[in-house]
PDB file of N, CA and C in Angstrom:
ATOM      1  N   MET A   1       9.557 -19.637  10.020  1.00  0.00           N
ATOM      2  CA  MET A   1       9.380 -19.296   8.314  1.00  0.00           C
ATOM      3  C   MET A   1       8.487 -18.789   8.070  1.00  0.00           C
ATOM      4  N   ALA A   2       8.537 -18.294   6.830  1.00  0.00           N
ATOM      5  CA  ALA A   2       7.025 -18.093   6.594  1.00  0.00           C
ATOM      6  C   ALA A   2       6.358 -18.483   4.984  1.00  0.00           C
ATOM      7  N   LYS A   3       5.476 -18.772   5.102  1.00  0.00           N
ATOM      8  CA  LYS A   3       4.526 -19.783   4.556  1.00  0.00           C
ATOM      9  C   LYS A   3       4.476 -18.703   3.661  1.00  0.00           C
ATOM     10  N   ALA A   4       4.566 -19.494   2.294  1.00  0.00           N
ATOM     11  CA  ALA A   4       4.905 -18.256   0.914  1.00  0.00           C
ATOM     12  C   ALA A   4       3.648 -19.775  -0.040  1.00  0.00           C
ATOM     13  N   SER A   5       2.758 -18.752  -0.720  1.00  0.00           N
ATOM     14  CA  SER A   5       2.098 -19.388  -2.150  1.00  0.00           C
ATOM     15  C   SER A   5       2.069 -18.448  -3.267  1.00  0.00           C
ATOM     16  N   ALA A   6       2.043 -18.925  -4.066  1.00  0.00           N
ATOM     17  CA  ALA A   6       1.848 -18.791  -5.680  1.00  0.00           C
ATOM     18  C   ALA A   6       0.410 -18.563  -5.708  1.00  0.00           C
ATOM     19  N   SER A   7      -0.316 -18.942  -5.434  1.00  0.00           N
ATOM     20  CA  SER A   7      -2.001 -18.874  -5.492  1.00  0.00           C
ATOM     21  C   SER A   7      -2.497 -17.148  -4.832  1.00  0.00           C
ATOM     22  N   LYS A   8      -2.392 -17.378  -3.713  1.00  0.00           N
ATOM     23  CA  LYS A   8      -2.300 -15.883  -3.139  1.00  0.00           C
ATOM     24  C   LYS A   8      -0.940 -15.224  -2.692  1.00  0.00           C
ATOM     25  N   PRO A   9      -1.477 -13.942  -2.991  1.00  0.00           N
ATOM     26  CA  PRO A   9      -0.449 -12.378  -2.450  1.00  0.00           C
ATOM     27  C   PRO A   9      -0.200 -12.065  -1.058  1.00  0.00           C
ATOM     28  N   ALA A  10       0.068 -11.132  -1.157  1.00  0.00           N
ATOM     29  CA  ALA A  10       0.329 -11.516   0.812  1.00  0.00           C
ATOM     30  C   ALA A  10      -0.309 -10.463   0.935  1.00  0.00           C
ATOM     31  N   ALA A  11      -1.249  -9.655   0.345  1.00  0.00           N
ATOM     32  CA  ALA A  11      -2.271  -8.793   0.742  1.00  0.00           C
ATOM     33  C   ALA A  11      -3.209 -10.045   1.473  1.00  0.00           C
ATOM     34  N   ARG A  12      -4.341  -9.115   1.915  1.00  0.00           N
ATOM     35  CA  ARG A  12      -5.607 -10.056   2.374  1.00  0.00           C
ATOM     36  C   ARG A  12      -6.225  -9.889   1.202  1.00  0.00           C
ATOM     37  N   ARG A  13      -7.166 -10.475   0.874  1.00  0.00           N
ATOM     38  CA  ARG A  13      -8.841 -10.107  -0.224  1.00  0.00           C
ATOM     39  C   ARG A  13      -9.485  -9.623   0.570  1.00  0.00           C
ATOM     40  N   ALA A  14     -10.295  -8.982  -0.481  1.00  0.00           N
ATOM     41  CA  ALA A  14     -11.571  -8.223   0.519  1.00  0.00           C
ATOM     42  C   ALA A  14     -12.585  -9.486   0.025  1.00  0.00           C
ATOM     43  N   LYS A  15     -13.708  -9.530   1.185  1.00  0.00           N
ATOM     44  CA  LYS A  15     -14.346 -10.287   1.417  1.00  0.00           C
ATOM     45  C   LYS A  15     -15.809  -9.277   1.810  1.00  0.00           C
ATOM     46  N   PRO A  16     -16.381  -9.186   0.794  1.00  0.00           N
ATOM     47  CA  PRO A  16     -17.937  -8.353   1.242  1.00  0.00           C
ATOM     48  C   PRO A  16     -19.156  -9.307   1.937  1.00  0.00           C
ATOM     49  N   LEU A  17     -19.746  -8.794   1.711  1.00  0.00           N
ATOM     50  CA  LEU A  17     -20.383  -9.438   3.223  1.00  0.00           C
ATOM     51  C   LEU A  17     -21.903  -8.372   3.425  1.00  0.00           C
ATOM     52  N   ALA A  18     -23.175  -8.452   3.731  1.00  0.00           N
ATOM     53  CA  ALA A  18     -24.430  -7.945   3.412  1.00  0.00           C
ATOM     54  C   ALA A  18     -23.878  -6.813   4.566  1.00  0.00           C
ATOM     55  N   GLY A  19     -24.702  -5.322   4.056  1.00  0.00           N
ATOM     56  CA  GLY A  19     -24.450  -4.514   4.859  1.00  0.00           C
ATOM     57  C   GLY A  19     -24.475  -2.754   4.411  1.00  0.00           C
ATOM     58  N   GLY A  20     -23.021  -2.060   4.909  1.00  0.00           N
ATOM     59  CA  GLY A  20     -22.464  -1.007   3.918  1.00  0.00           C
ATOM     60  C   GLY A  20     -21.380  -0.878   4.207  1.00  0.00           C
ATOM     61  N   VAL A  21     -20.974  -0.976   5.371  1.00  0.00           N
ATOM     62  CA  VAL A  21     -20.443  -0.618   6.149  1.00  0.00           C
ATOM     63  C   VAL A  21     -18.626  -1.659   5.786  1.00  0.00           C
ATOM     64  N   LEU A  22     -17.485   0.121   5.874  1.00  0.00           N
ATOM     65  CA  LEU A  22     -16.449  -0.477   5.564  1.00  0.00           C
ATOM     66  C   LEU A  22     -16.024  -1.001   6.330  1.00  0.00           C
ATOM     67  N   GLU A  23     -15.104  -2.220   6.350  1.00  0.00           N
ATOM     68  CA  GLU A  23     -14.310  -2.957   7.625  1.00  0.00           C
ATOM     69  C   GLU A  23     -12.572  -2.983   6.518  1.00  0.00           C
ATOM     70  N   GLY A  24     -12.028  -3.020   6.391  1.00  0.00           N
ATOM     71  CA  GLY A  24     -10.213  -3.740   5.489  1.00  0.00           C
ATOM     72  C   GLY A  24      -9.268  -3.728   6.812  1.00  0.00           C
ATOM     73  N   GLY A  25      -8.272  -4.761   5.640  1.00  0.00           N
ATOM     74  CA  GLY A  25      -7.519  -4.333   6.684  1.00  0.00           C
ATOM     75  C   GLY A  25      -6.585  -3.426   5.184  1.00  0.00           C
ATOM     76  N   THR A  26      -4.645  -3.874   5.292  1.00  0.00           N
ATOM     77  CA  THR A  26      -4.180  -2.969   4.566  1.00  0.00           C
ATOM     78  C   THR A  26      -4.323  -3.563   2.908  1.00  0.00           C
ATOM     79  N   GLY A  27      -4.971  -5.295   2.969  1.00  0.00           N
ATOM     80  CA  GLY A  27      -4.737  -5.676   1.439  1.00  0.00           C
ATOM     81  C   GLY A  27      -6.378  -5.596   0.595  1.00  0.00           C
ATOM     82  N   GLY A  28      -7.225  -4.777   1.400  1.00  0.00           N
ATOM     83  CA  GLY A  28      -8.165  -4.192   0.887  1.00  0.00           C
ATOM     84  C   GLY A  28      -9.569  -4.419   2.027  1.00  0.00           C
ATOM     85  N   ALA A  29     -10.513  -4.078   0.987  1.00  0.00           N
ATOM     86  CA  ALA A  29     -11.798  -3.379   2.179  1.00  0.00           C
ATOM     87  C   ALA A  29     -12.499  -4.077   2.360  1.00  0.00           C
ATOM     88  N   LYS A  30     -13.455  -4.686   3.048  1.00  0.00           N
ATOM     89  CA  LYS A  30     -14.760  -5.456   3.485  1.00  0.00           C
ATOM     90  C   LYS A  30     -15.790  -4.787   3.980  1.00  0.00           C
ATOM     91  N   VAL A  31     -17.150  -5.062   3.717  1.00  0.00           N
ATOM     92  CA  VAL A  31     -18.245  -4.607   4.250  1.00  0.00           C
ATOM     93  C   VAL A  31     -18.834  -5.126   5.124  1.00  0.00           C
ATOM     94  N   VAL A  32     -19.512  -4.639   6.501  1.00  0.00           N
ATOM     95  CA  VAL A  32     -19.433  -5.948   7.103  1.00  0.00           C
ATOM     96  C   VAL A  32     -21.305  -5.193   7.826  1.00  0.00           C
ATOM     97  N   GLN A  33     -22.491  -6.187   8.464  1.00  0.00           N
ATOM     98  CA  GLN A  33     -23.678  -4.718   8.896  1.00  0.00           C
ATOM     99  C   GLN A  33     -22.657  -4.855   9.998  1.00  0.00           C
ATOM    100  N   PRO A  34     -23.325  -3.297   9.796  1.00  0.00           N
ATOM    101  CA  PRO A  34     -23.472  -2.208  10.974  1.00  0.00           C
ATOM    102  C   PRO A  34     -24.444  -1.850  11.566  1.00  0.00           C
ATOM    103  N   ASP A  35     -23.605  -1.569  12.846  1.00  0.00           N
ATOM    104  CA  ASP A  35     -24.306  -1.407  14.243  1.00  0.00           C
ATOM    105  C   ASP A  35     -25.423  -0.759  14.136  1.00  0.00           C
ATOM    106  N   ALA A  36     -26.840  -1.057  14.875  1.00  0.00           N
ATOM    107  CA  ALA A  36     -28.112  -0.208  14.390  1.00  0.00           C
ATOM    108  C   ALA A  36     -28.169   1.133  15.039  1.00  0.00           C
ATOM    109  N   ASP A  37     -27.034   0.671  16.210  1.00  0.00           N
ATOM    110  CA  ASP A  37     -27.057   1.764  17.227  1.00  0.00           C
ATOM    111  C   ASP A  37     -26.062   2.862  17.709  1.00  0.00           C
ATOM    112  N   ALA A  38     -24.872   2.514  16.254  1.00  0.00           N
ATOM    113  CA  ALA A  38     -23.461   3.242  16.019  1.00  0.00           C
ATOM    114  C   ALA A  38     -23.918   4.495  15.746  1.00  0.00           C
ATOM    115  N   ALA A  39     -23.504   5.275  16.350  1.00  0.00           N
ATOM    116  CA  ALA A  39     -23.626   7.133  16.390  1.00  0.00           C
ATOM    117  C   ALA A  39     -22.776   8.120  14.953  1.00  0.00           C
ATOM    118  N   ALA A  40     -21.657   6.929  14.605  1.00  0.00           N
ATOM    119  CA  ALA A  40     -21.287   7.363  13.348  1.00  0.00           C
ATOM    120  C   ALA A  40     -20.928   5.934  13.359  1.00  0.00           C
ATOM    121  N   ILE A  41     -20.156   6.373  11.786  1.00  0.00           N
ATOM    122  CA  ILE A  41     -19.562   4.951  11.055  1.00  0.00           C
ATOM    123  C   ILE A  41     -18.381   5.417  10.348  1.00  0.00           C
ATOM    124  N   VAL A  42     -17.682   5.174  10.327  1.00  0.00           N
ATOM    125  CA  VAL A  42     -15.634   5.548   8.828  1.00  0.00           C
ATOM    126  C   VAL A  42     -16.133   5.321   7.626  1.00  0.00           C
ATOM    127  N   SER A  43     -16.641   6.135   7.310  1.00  0.00           N
ATOM    128  CA  SER A  43     -17.227   5.943   5.716  1.00  0.00           C
ATOM    129  C   SER A  43     -15.782   5.618   4.863  1.00  0.00           C
ATOM    130  N   LYS A  44     -16.489   4.257   3.897  1.00  0.00           N
ATOM    131  CA  LYS A  44     -15.214   3.464   3.043  1.00  0.00           C
ATOM    132  C   LYS A  44     -13.828   4.630   1.933  1.00  0.00           C
ATOM    133  N   ALA A  45     -14.629   5.527   2.135  1.00  0.00           N
ATOM    134  CA  ALA A  45     -13.730   6.959   1.262  1.00  0.00           C
ATOM    135  C   ALA A  45     -12.622   7.269   2.496  1.00  0.00           C
ATOM    136  N   ARG A  46     -13.540   7.769   3.510  1.00  0.00           N
ATOM    137  CA  ARG A  46     -12.098   7.830   4.750  1.00  0.00           C
ATOM    138  C   ARG A  46     -11.081   6.879   5.290  1.00  0.00           C
ATOM    139  N   PHE A  47     -12.378   6.050   5.402  1.00  0.00           N
ATOM    140  CA  PHE A  47     -10.925   4.424   6.150  1.00  0.00           C
ATOM    141  C   PHE A  47      -9.500   4.383   4.678  1.00  0.00           C
ATOM    142  N   GLU A  48     -10.615   4.199   3.140  1.00  0.00           N
ATOM    143  CA  GLU A  48      -9.417   4.213   2.373  1.00  0.00           C
ATOM    144  C   GLU A  48      -8.279   5.488   2.258  1.00  0.00           C
ATOM    145  N   ALA A  49      -8.759   6.542   2.404  1.00  0.00           N
ATOM    146  CA  ALA A  49      -7.765   7.315   2.350  1.00  0.00           C
ATOM    147  C   ALA A  49      -6.118   7.384   3.532  1.00  0.00           C
ATOM    148  N   VAL A  50      -7.444   6.953   4.550  1.00  0.00           N
ATOM    149  CA  VAL A  50      -6.183   7.185   5.657  1.00  0.00           C
ATOM    150  C   VAL A  50      -5.036   5.767   5.504  1.00  0.00           C
ATOM    151  N   MET A  51      -6.093   4.759   5.756  1.00  0.00           N
ATOM    152  CA  MET A  51      -5.274   3.782   5.097  1.00  0.00           C
ATOM    153  C   MET A  51      -4.036   3.546   3.722  1.00  0.00           C
ATOM    154  N   GLN A  52      -4.450   4.734   2.526  1.00  0.00           N
ATOM    155  CA  GLN A  52      -4.025   4.270   1.487  1.00  0.00           C
ATOM    156  C   GLN A  52      -2.568   5.522   1.479  1.00  0.00           C
ATOM    157  N   ALA A  53      -2.613   6.407   2.574  1.00  0.00           N
ATOM    158  CA  ALA A  53      -1.650   8.337   2.861  1.00  0.00           C
ATOM    159  C   ALA A  53      -1.156   7.437   3.844  1.00  0.00           C
ATOM    160  N   ALA A  54      -1.304   5.997   4.504  1.00  0.00           N
ATOM    161  CA  ALA A  54      -0.027   5.201   5.506  1.00  0.00           C
ATOM    162  C   ALA A  54       0.477   4.534   4.259  1.00  0.00           C
ATOM    163  N   ARG A  55      -0.101   3.772   3.429  1.00  0.00           N
ATOM    164  CA  ARG A  55       0.362   2.790   2.878  1.00  0.00           C
ATOM    165  C   ARG A  55       2.098   3.807   2.093  1.00  0.00           C
ATOM    166  N   GLN A  56       1.096   4.702   1.295  1.00  0.00           N
ATOM    167  CA  GLN A  56       1.838   5.610   0.762  1.00  0.00           C
ATOM    168  C   GLN A  56       3.251   6.080   1.420  1.00  0.00           C
ATOM    169  N   LEU A  57       2.984   6.554   2.039  1.00  0.00           N
ATOM    170  CA  LEU A  57       4.054   7.332   4.041  1.00  0.00           C
ATOM    171  C   LEU A  57       5.529   5.870   4.522  1.00  0.00           C
ATOM    172  N   GLY A  58       4.681   4.596   3.103  1.00  0.00           N
ATOM    173  CA  GLY A  58       5.572   2.966   3.975  1.00  0.00           C
ATOM    174  C   GLY A  58       5.036   3.001   5.665  1.00  0.00           C
ATOM    175  N   LEU A  59       4.153   3.608   5.675  1.00  0.00           N
ATOM    176  CA  LEU A  59       3.937   3.104   7.636  1.00  0.00           C
ATOM    177  C   LEU A  59       2.891   1.736   7.446  1.00  0.00           C
ATOM    178  N   LEU A  60       2.337   1.248   5.983  1.00  0.00           N
ATOM    179  CA  LEU A  60       2.205  -0.563   6.074  1.00  0.00           C
ATOM    180  C   LEU A  60       2.383  -1.238   5.105  1.00  0.00           C
ATOM    181  N   GLY A  61       4.123  -1.473   5.824  1.00  0.00           N
ATOM    182  CA  GLY A  61       4.553  -2.302   5.067  1.00  0.00           C
ATOM    183  C   GLY A  61       5.246  -3.855   5.285  1.00  0.00           C
ATOM    184  N   GLU A  62       5.720  -4.247   5.771  1.00  0.00           N
ATOM    185  CA  GLU A  62       5.685  -6.244   6.262  1.00  0.00           C
ATOM    186  C   GLU A  62       5.070  -5.745   7.747  1.00  0.00           C
ATOM    187  N   LYS A  63       4.411  -6.630   8.229  1.00  0.00           N
ATOM    188  CA  LYS A  63       4.049  -6.434   9.670  1.00  0.00           C
ATOM    189  C   LYS A  63       4.823  -8.013  10.508  1.00  0.00           C
ATOM    190  N   ALA A  64       5.991  -7.016  10.462  1.00  0.00           N
ATOM    191  CA  ALA A  64       6.568  -8.058  11.542  1.00  0.00           C
ATOM    192  C   ALA A  64       6.250  -7.639  12.841  1.00  0.00           C
ATOM    193  N   GLY A  65       5.888  -6.453  13.117  1.00  0.00           N
ATOM    194  CA  GLY A  65       5.710  -5.827  14.475  1.00  0.00           C
ATOM    195  C   GLY A  65       4.382  -6.591  15.154  1.00  0.00           C
ATOM    196  N   ARG A  66       4.621  -6.048  17.038  1.00  0.00           N
ATOM    197  CA  ARG A  66       3.332  -7.250  17.038  1.00  0.00           C
ATOM    198  C   ARG A  66       2.869  -5.939  18.825  1.00  0.00           C
ATOM    199  N   ILE A  67       2.098  -6.095  18.948  1.00  0.00           N
ATOM    200  CA  ILE A  67       1.331  -4.683  20.072  1.00  0.00           C
ATOM    201  C   ILE A  67       0.121  -6.100  20.706  1.00  0.00           C
ATOM    202  N   GLY A  68       0.775  -5.586  21.881  1.00  0.00           N
ATOM    203  CA  GLY A  68      -0.433  -6.694  23.239  1.00  0.00           C
ATOM    204  C   GLY A  68      -0.756  -5.699  24.340  1.00  0.00           C
ATOM    205  N   GLY A  69      -1.887  -6.002  25.394  1.00  0.00           N
ATOM    206  CA  GLY A  69      -1.608  -4.927  25.662  1.00  0.00           C
ATOM    207  C   GLY A  69      -3.270  -5.133  26.628  1.00  0.00           C
ATOM    208  N   ARG A  70      -3.867  -4.743  26.990  1.00  0.00           N
ATOM    209  CA  ARG A  70      -4.918  -5.062  27.925  1.00  0.00           C
ATOM    210  C   ARG A  70      -5.366  -3.817  28.126  1.00  0.00           C
ATOM    211  N   VAL A  71      -7.156  -3.497  27.551  1.00  0.00           N
ATOM    212  CA  VAL A  71      -7.926  -2.923  27.140  1.00  0.00           C
ATOM    213  C   VAL A  71      -8.447  -3.022  27.831  1.00  0.00           C
ATOM    214  N   SER A  72      -9.987  -2.035  27.857  1.00  0.00           N
ATOM    215  CA  SER A  72     -11.293  -2.167  28.449  1.00  0.00           C
ATOM    216  C   SER A  72     -11.819  -2.502  27.667  1.00  0.00           C
ATOM    217  N   PRO A  73     -12.652  -3.598  27.050  1.00  0.00           N
ATOM    218  CA  PRO A  73     -13.955  -3.603  26.537  1.00  0.00           C
ATOM    219  C   PRO A  73     -14.970  -3.654  25.701  1.00  0.00           C
ATOM    220  N   ALA A  74     -15.174  -2.015  26.582  1.00  0.00           N
ATOM    221  CA  ALA A  74     -16.063  -2.114  26.260  1.00  0.00           C
ATOM    222  C   ALA A  74     -15.363  -0.248  25.515  1.00  0.00           C
ATOM    223  N   LEU A  75     -13.696  -0.053  25.573  1.00  0.00           N
ATOM    224  CA  LEU A  75     -13.643   0.979  24.756  1.00  0.00           C
ATOM    225  C   LEU A  75     -13.109   0.124  23.626  1.00  0.00           C
ATOM    226  N   ILE A  76     -13.317  -1.097  22.975  1.00  0.00           N
ATOM    227  CA  ILE A  76     -12.811  -2.081  21.790  1.00  0.00           C
ATOM    228  C   ILE A  76     -14.680  -2.197  20.561  1.00  0.00           C
ATOM    229  N   LYS A  77     -15.345  -2.641  22.408  1.00  0.00           N
ATOM    230  CA  LYS A  77     -16.673  -2.298  21.360  1.00  0.00           C
ATOM    231  C   LYS A  77     -17.475  -0.746  21.171  1.00  0.00           C
ATOM    232  N   GLN A  78     -16.881   0.221  22.206  1.00  0.00           N
ATOM    233  CA  GLN A  78     -17.363   1.662  21.348  1.00  0.00           C
ATOM    234  C   GLN A  78     -16.652   1.892  20.626  1.00  0.00           C
ATOM    235  N   ALA A  79     -15.247   1.413  19.606  1.00  0.00           N
ATOM    236  CA  ALA A  79     -14.248   1.517  18.745  1.00  0.00           C
ATOM    237  C   ALA A  79     -14.688   1.378  17.765  1.00  0.00           C
ATOM    238  N   LYS A  80     -15.774  -0.186  17.940  1.00  0.00           N
ATOM    239  CA  LYS A  80     -15.828  -0.533  16.891  1.00  0.00           C
ATOM    240  C   LYS A  80     -17.317  -0.298  16.240  1.00  0.00           C
ATOM    241  N   ARG A  81     -18.002   0.139  17.274  1.00  0.00           N
ATOM    242  CA  ARG A  81     -19.622   1.006  17.125  1.00  0.00           C
ATOM    243  C   ARG A  81     -18.656   1.713  16.359  1.00  0.00           C
ATOM    244  N   GLN A  82     -18.467   2.973  16.462  1.00  0.00           N
ATOM    245  CA  GLN A  82     -18.305   4.289  15.784  1.00  0.00           C
ATOM    246  C   GLN A  82     -17.671   3.756  14.610  1.00  0.00           C
ATOM    247  N   THR A  83     -17.012   2.785  14.274  1.00  0.00           N
ATOM    248  CA  THR A  83     -16.086   3.143  13.045  1.00  0.00           C
ATOM    249  C   THR A  83     -16.539   1.774  12.309  1.00  0.00           C
ATOM    250  N   GLY A  84     -17.092   0.647  12.859  1.00  0.00           N
ATOM    251  CA  GLY A  84     -18.114  -0.611  11.646  1.00  0.00           C
ATOM    252  C   GLY A  84     -16.888  -1.487  11.384  1.00  0.00           C
ATOM    253  N   ILE A  85     -15.337  -1.036  11.815  1.00  0.00           N
ATOM    254  CA  ILE A  85     -14.864  -2.627  11.519  1.00  0.00           C
ATOM    255  C   ILE A  85     -14.932  -3.061  13.341  1.00  0.00           C
ATOM    256  N   GLN A  86     -14.593  -4.272  12.482  1.00  0.00           N
ATOM    257  CA  GLN A  86     -15.252  -5.473  13.406  1.00  0.00           C
ATOM    258  C   GLN A  86     -13.807  -6.404  13.723  1.00  0.00           C
ATOM    259  N   ALA A  87     -12.660  -6.773  12.600  1.00  0.00           N
ATOM    260  CA  ALA A  87     -11.496  -7.404  12.863  1.00  0.00           C
ATOM    261  C   ALA A  87     -10.632  -6.539  14.263  1.00  0.00           C
ATOM    262  N   ASP A  88     -10.279  -6.910  15.423  1.00  0.00           N
ATOM    263  CA  ASP A  88      -9.197  -6.256  16.056  1.00  0.00           C
ATOM    264  C   ASP A  88      -8.514  -5.090  15.561  1.00  0.00           C
ATOM    265  N   THR A  89      -7.337  -6.445  14.820  1.00  0.00           N
ATOM    266  CA  THR A  89      -6.443  -6.368  14.073  1.00  0.00           C
ATOM    267  C   THR A  89      -6.719  -5.146  13.201  1.00  0.00           C
ATOM    268  N   ASP A  90      -7.814  -4.946  12.115  1.00  0.00           N
ATOM    269  CA  ASP A  90      -8.372  -3.946  10.905  1.00  0.00           C
ATOM    270  C   ASP A  90      -8.064  -2.620  12.199  1.00  0.00           C
ATOM    271  N   LEU A  91      -9.228  -2.252  13.140  1.00  0.00           N
ATOM    272  CA  LEU A  91      -8.764  -1.830  14.001  1.00  0.00           C
ATOM    273  C   LEU A  91      -8.185  -1.024  14.672  1.00  0.00           C
ATOM    274  N   ILE A  92      -7.188  -2.120  15.106  1.00  0.00           N
ATOM    275  CA  ILE A  92      -5.898  -1.124  15.666  1.00  0.00           C
ATOM    276  C   ILE A  92      -4.739  -1.028  14.277  1.00  0.00           C
ATOM    277  N   GLU A  93      -4.777  -1.384  13.537  1.00  0.00           N
ATOM    278  CA  GLU A  93      -3.774  -0.553  12.279  1.00  0.00           C
ATOM    279  C   GLU A  93      -4.787   0.883  11.538  1.00  0.00           C
ATOM    280  N   PHE A  94      -6.454   1.346  11.519  1.00  0.00           N
ATOM    281  CA  PHE A  94      -6.837   1.638  11.760  1.00  0.00           C
ATOM    282  C   PHE A  94      -6.272   3.176  12.770  1.00  0.00           C
ATOM    283  N   ALA A  95      -6.389   2.496  13.520  1.00  0.00           N
ATOM    284  CA  ALA A  95      -6.460   3.616  14.781  1.00  0.00           C
ATOM    285  C   ALA A  95      -4.847   4.609  14.720  1.00  0.00           C
ATOM    286  N   LEU A  96      -4.190   3.765  15.052  1.00  0.00           N
ATOM    287  CA  LEU A  96      -2.626   3.628  14.228  1.00  0.00           C
ATOM    288  C   LEU A  96      -2.190   4.835  13.475  1.00  0.00           C
ATOM    289  N   ALA A  97      -3.041   3.869  12.117  1.00  0.00           N
ATOM    290  CA  ALA A  97      -2.989   5.316  11.053  1.00  0.00           C
ATOM    291  C   ALA A  97      -2.977   6.496  11.844  1.00  0.00           C
ATOM    292  N   THR A  98      -4.265   6.428  11.644  1.00  0.00           N
ATOM    293  CA  THR A  98      -5.309   7.484  12.067  1.00  0.00           C
ATOM    294  C   THR A  98      -3.871   8.394  13.697  1.00  0.00           C
ATOM    295  N   VAL A  99      -3.488   7.797  13.791  1.00  0.00           N
ATOM    296  CA  VAL A  99      -3.098   8.871  14.620  1.00  0.00           C
ATOM    297  C   VAL A  99      -1.524   9.240  13.940  1.00  0.00           C
ATOM    298  N   ALA A 100      -0.695   8.020  13.200  1.00  0.00           N
ATOM    299  CA  ALA A 100       0.154   8.491  12.826  1.00  0.00           C
ATOM    300  C   ALA A 100       0.397   9.306  11.768  1.00  0.00           C
ATOM    301  N   LEU A 101      -0.804   9.851  10.813  1.00  0.00           N
ATOM    302  CA  LEU A 101      -0.915  10.996  10.150  1.00  0.00           C
ATOM    303  C   LEU A 101      -1.667  12.312  11.067  1.00  0.00           C
ATOM    304  N   GLU A 102      -1.819  12.129  11.620  1.00  0.00           N
ATOM    305  CA  GLU A 102      -2.679  13.771  12.742  1.00  0.00           C
ATOM    306  C   GLU A 102      -2.614  14.999  11.762  1.00  0.00           C
ATOM    307  N   ASP A 103      -3.475  15.414  11.644  1.00  0.00           N
ATOM    308  CA  ASP A 103      -2.775  16.651  11.398  1.00  0.00           C
ATOM    309  C   ASP A 103      -2.876  17.301  12.258  1.00  0.00           C
ATOM    310  N   THR A 104      -1.613  18.817  11.948  1.00  0.00           N
ATOM    311  CA  THR A 104      -0.944  19.052  13.192  1.00  0.00           C
ATOM    312  C   THR A 104      -1.070  20.867  12.222  1.00  0.00           C
ATOM    313  N   PHE A 105      -2.321  20.776  11.642  1.00  0.00           N
ATOM    314  CA  PHE A 105      -2.743  22.087  10.953  1.00  0.00           C
ATOM    315  C   PHE A 105      -2.754  23.325  12.106  1.00  0.00           C
ATOM    316  N   ALA A 106      -3.624  23.144  12.398  1.00  0.00           N
ATOM    317  CA  ALA A 106      -4.016  24.133  13.507  1.00  0.00           C
ATOM    318  C   ALA A 106      -2.943  24.377  14.993  1.00  0.00           C
ATOM    319  N   GLU A 107      -1.992  23.661  14.826  1.00  0.00           N
ATOM    320  CA  GLU A 107      -0.999  24.162  15.801  1.00  0.00           C
ATOM    321  C   GLU A 107       0.225  24.788  15.025  1.00  0.00           C
ATOM    322  N   THR A 108       0.514  24.531  13.829  1.00  0.00           N
ATOM    323  CA  THR A 108       1.361  24.657  13.403  1.00  0.00           C
ATOM    324  C   THR A 108       1.332  26.723  13.148  1.00  0.00           C
ATOM    325  N   PHE A 109      -0.143  26.518  12.612  1.00  0.00           N
ATOM    326  CA  PHE A 109      -0.671  27.896  11.852  1.00  0.00           C
ATOM    327  C   PHE A 109      -0.512  28.686  13.511  1.00  0.00           C
ATOM    328  N   LYS A 110      -0.728  27.893  14.599  1.00  0.00           N
ATOM    329  CA  LYS A 110      -1.148  28.862  15.852  1.00  0.00           C
ATOM    330  C   LYS A 110       0.167  29.505  16.184  1.00  0.00           C
ATOM    331  N   GLU A 111       1.847  28.025  15.744  1.00  0.00           N
ATOM    332  CA  GLU A 111       3.116  28.269  16.027  1.00  0.00           C
ATOM    333  C   GLU A 111       3.585  29.661  14.941  1.00  0.00           C
ATOM    334  N   ALA A 112       3.342  30.142  14.067  1.00  0.00           N
ATOM    335  CA  ALA A 112       3.517  30.858  13.064  1.00  0.00           C
ATOM    336  C   ALA A 112       2.907  32.306  13.001  1.00  0.00           C
ATOM    337  N   ARG A 113       1.819  32.403  14.060  1.00  0.00           N
ATOM    338  CA  ARG A 113       1.556  34.233  14.757  1.00  0.00           C
ATOM    339  C   ARG A 113       2.408  34.691  14.738  1.00  0.00           C
ATOM    340  N   GLY A 114       2.441  35.761  13.964  1.00  0.00           N
ATOM    341  CA  GLY A 114       3.357  36.821  14.735  1.00  0.00           C
ATOM    342  C   GLY A 114       4.950  36.393  13.897  1.00  0.00           C
ATOM    343  N   LYS A 115       4.806  35.915  13.262  1.00  0.00           N
ATOM    344  CA  LYS A 115       6.341  35.620  12.142  1.00  0.00           C
ATOM    345  C   LYS A 115       6.621  36.679  11.198  1.00  0.00           C
ATOM    346  N   VAL A 116       5.355  37.275  10.775  1.00  0.00           N
ATOM    347  CA  VAL A 116       5.447  37.450   9.426  1.00  0.00           C
ATOM    348  C   VAL A 116       5.394  38.125   9.184  1.00  0.00           C
ATOM    349  N   ASP A 117       6.414  39.122   8.693  1.00  0.00           N
ATOM    350  CA  ASP A 117       6.902  40.592   8.724  1.00  0.00           C
ATOM    351  C   ASP A 117       5.595  41.460   8.316  1.00  0.00           C
ATOM    352  N   PRO A 118       5.476  42.053   9.604  1.00  0.00           N
ATOM    353  CA  PRO A 118       4.524  42.701   9.464  1.00  0.00           C
ATOM    354  C   PRO A 118       4.291  44.301   7.959  1.00  0.00           C
ATOM    355  N   GLU A 119       6.132  44.389   7.712  1.00  0.00           N
ATOM    356  CA  GLU A 119       6.364  45.460   6.930  1.00  0.00           C
ATOM    357  C   GLU A 119       5.519  44.584   4.840  1.00  0.00           C
ATOM    358  N   LEU A 120       5.279  43.788   4.585  1.00  0.00           N
ATOM    359  CA  LEU A 120       5.047  42.219   3.450  1.00  0.00           C
ATOM    360  C   LEU A 120       3.851  42.818   3.498  1.00  0.00           C
ATOM    361  N   ASN A 121       3.658  42.868   1.901  1.00  0.00           N
ATOM    362  CA  ASN A 121       3.364  43.853   0.890  1.00  0.00           C
ATOM    363  C   ASN A 121       1.645  42.461   0.320  1.00  0.00           C
ATOM    364  N   LEU A 122       1.100  41.960   0.848  1.00  0.00           N
ATOM    365  CA  LEU A 122       0.160  41.194   0.449  1.00  0.00           C
ATOM    366  C   LEU A 122      -0.817  40.974  -0.226  1.00  0.00           C
ATOM    367  N   ALA A 123      -1.220  42.330  -1.122  1.00  0.00           N
ATOM    368  CA  ALA A 123      -1.142  42.953  -2.234  1.00  0.00           C
ATOM    369  C   ALA A 123      -3.285  43.195  -1.624  1.00  0.00           C
ATOM    370  N   PHE A 124      -3.516  43.000  -0.895  1.00  0.00           N
ATOM    371  CA  PHE A 124      -4.857  43.512  -0.897  1.00  0.00           C
ATOM    372  C   PHE A 124      -4.652  44.569   0.408  1.00  0.00           C
TER     373      PHE A 124
END
């Protein structure tokens, strides 16, 4: 049975820390200390855009699913370094949302090649 509290919303609250790199779950963003060796950090705007788009598509609803698996610690460490996200759950959620929202414009554009009527007047 799930715990319910009138004083706490279901989503996690943001916890700002020293730094400037974004970390966060669906309930809010929190800032974490950046890794000095980080080659790239996920910007707050990108993180929020990905998570907001996933939320709008209903991909971040009830958290009833569970995922488990064994992965290389080096892979996790590098993914955290690249994104600035420290919590495993937030990292998995961001990674899955990024894949789920992947832009397929290039593939769609290539598939459309040669499908426009050559007689079509494009006015140029």
